[in-house]
Structures are given as C-alpha cells and as structure tokens.
Amino acid sequence: MTKTAKTIKVKQTGSLIGATKVQRATVLGLGLKKMNAEKVLQDTPAVRGMITKVAHLVTVVEE
C-alpha cells in the first residue's frame, strides 16, 4: 500500500511591500512570488509553521 501525502493549497493575499526580510523569505520559501499566486504544498509541521508566521499575507484555500 502506498500512502498519499496530505496537501494544502496556499494563496498569497497580501503584498510583500512593507514586509520584513524574514517575512519575504518565508513567503518565497512557500513558493509564492506574486499576489493571488497559489501553490499546492505538503501538509507538514514546517509548512504549517511558515504559514503561521505570515498568516496576514497568505490564506489556506484547501486542506
């Protein structure tokens, strides 16, 4: 049997203008570069922590 990894879809809803360097690096680490960009990521504690750090800039579209 193969396990399918859980995924979440993240969307960038806030602008990086005025964000700190750490926040910019975190959003880029999630694979988001532009407004309204969406990315499907594996649901891991590391990714969840990154989303929590920049919760004002991104939203979780699907879990």
C-alpha atoms as a PDB file:
ATOM      1  CA  MET A   1       0.000   0.000   0.000  1.00  0.00           C
ATOM      2  CA  THR A   2       1.194   3.489  -0.788  1.00  0.00           C
ATOM      3  CA  LYS A   3       0.438   6.440   1.401  1.00  0.00           C
ATOM      4  CA  THR A   4      -0.637   9.613  -0.283  1.00  0.00           C
ATOM      5  CA  ALA A   5       0.795  12.680   1.390  1.00  0.00           C
ATOM      6  CA  LYS A   6      -1.703  15.246   2.599  1.00  0.00           C
ATOM      7  CA  THR A   7      -1.545  18.513   0.727  1.00  0.00           C
ATOM      8  CA  ILE A   8      -2.767  22.042   1.306  1.00  0.00           C
ATOM      9  CA  LYS A   9      -3.316  24.852  -1.165  1.00  0.00           C
ATOM     10  CA  VAL A  10      -1.917  28.225  -0.108  1.00  0.00           C
ATOM     11  CA  LYS A  11      -2.735  31.566  -1.742  1.00  0.00           C
ATOM     12  CA  GLN A  12      -0.845  34.834  -1.327  1.00  0.00           C
ATOM     13  CA  THR A  13      -3.391  37.507  -0.447  1.00  0.00           C
ATOM     14  CA  GLY A  14      -1.124  40.266   0.893  1.00  0.00           C
ATOM     15  CA  SER A  15       1.570  42.347  -0.742  1.00  0.00           C
ATOM     16  CA  LEU A  16       5.225  41.969   0.191  1.00  0.00           C
ATOM     17  CA  ILE A  17       5.656  45.763   0.047  1.00  0.00           C
ATOM     18  CA  GLY A  18       6.449  46.830   3.566  1.00  0.00           C
ATOM     19  CA  ALA A  19       7.100  43.286   4.767  1.00  0.00           C
ATOM     20  CA  THR A  20      10.275  42.498   6.654  1.00  0.00           C
ATOM     21  CA  LYS A  21      13.107  40.493   5.088  1.00  0.00           C
ATOM     22  CA  VAL A  22      12.190  37.469   7.189  1.00  0.00           C
ATOM     23  CA  GLN A  23       8.552  37.634   6.043  1.00  0.00           C
ATOM     24  CA  ARG A  24       9.613  37.974   2.398  1.00  0.00           C
ATOM     25  CA  ALA A  25      11.942  34.991   2.741  1.00  0.00           C
ATOM     26  CA  THR A  26       9.179  32.929   4.350  1.00  0.00           C
ATOM     27  CA  VAL A  27       6.688  33.699   1.564  1.00  0.00           C
ATOM     28  CA  LEU A  28       9.330  32.899  -1.069  1.00  0.00           C
ATOM     29  CA  GLY A  29      10.097  29.698   0.818  1.00  0.00           C
ATOM     30  CA  LEU A  30       6.454  28.735   0.389  1.00  0.00           C
ATOM     31  CA  GLY A  31       6.928  29.196  -3.360  1.00  0.00           C
ATOM     32  CA  LEU A  32       4.795  32.318  -3.701  1.00  0.00           C
ATOM     33  CA  LYS A  33       6.085  35.306  -5.653  1.00  0.00           C
ATOM     34  CA  LYS A  34       3.122  37.410  -6.751  1.00  0.00           C
ATOM     35  CA  MET A  35      -0.269  38.446  -5.443  1.00  0.00           C
ATOM     36  CA  ASN A  36      -3.004  35.813  -5.864  1.00  0.00           C
ATOM     37  CA  ALA A  37      -0.402  33.131  -6.614  1.00  0.00           C
ATOM     38  CA  GLU A  38      -1.416  29.667  -5.441  1.00  0.00           C
ATOM     39  CA  LYS A  39       0.780  26.729  -4.544  1.00  0.00           C
ATOM     40  CA  VAL A  40      -0.002  23.161  -3.508  1.00  0.00           C
ATOM     41  CA  LEU A  41       2.303  22.092  -0.677  1.00  0.00           C
ATOM     42  CA  GLN A  42       2.695  19.031   1.521  1.00  0.00           C
ATOM     43  CA  ASP A  43       0.970  19.389   4.860  1.00  0.00           C
ATOM     44  CA  THR A  44       3.939  19.204   7.227  1.00  0.00           C
ATOM     45  CA  PRO A  45       4.594  20.909  10.562  1.00  0.00           C
ATOM     46  CA  ALA A  46       7.326  23.020   8.927  1.00  0.00           C
ATOM     47  CA  VAL A  47       4.959  24.340   6.258  1.00  0.00           C
ATOM     48  CA  ARG A  48       2.250  24.980   8.863  1.00  0.00           C
ATOM     49  CA  GLY A  49       4.746  26.980  10.916  1.00  0.00           C
ATOM     50  CA  MET A  50       5.702  29.064   7.890  1.00  0.00           C
ATOM     51  CA  ILE A  51       2.035  29.766   7.171  1.00  0.00           C
ATOM     52  CA  THR A  52       1.510  30.819  10.790  1.00  0.00           C
ATOM     53  CA  LYS A  53       4.441  33.260  10.606  1.00  0.00           C
ATOM     54  CA  VAL A  54       2.949  35.073   7.587  1.00  0.00           C
ATOM     55  CA  ALA A  55      -0.752  34.464   8.236  1.00  0.00           C
ATOM     56  CA  HIS A  56      -1.507  38.110   7.412  1.00  0.00           C
ATOM     57  CA  LEU A  57      -0.066  37.633   3.884  1.00  0.00           C
ATOM     58  CA  VAL A  58      -1.389  34.180   2.933  1.00  0.00           C
ATOM     59  CA  THR A  59      -4.524  32.081   3.292  1.00  0.00           C
ATOM     60  CA  VAL A  60      -5.093  28.347   3.152  1.00  0.00           C
ATOM     61  CA  VAL A  61      -7.550  27.722   0.315  1.00  0.00           C
ATOM     62  CA  GLU A  62      -7.935  23.940   0.621  1.00  0.00           C
ATOM     63  CA  GLU A  63      -6.862  21.410   3.194  1.00  0.00           C
END
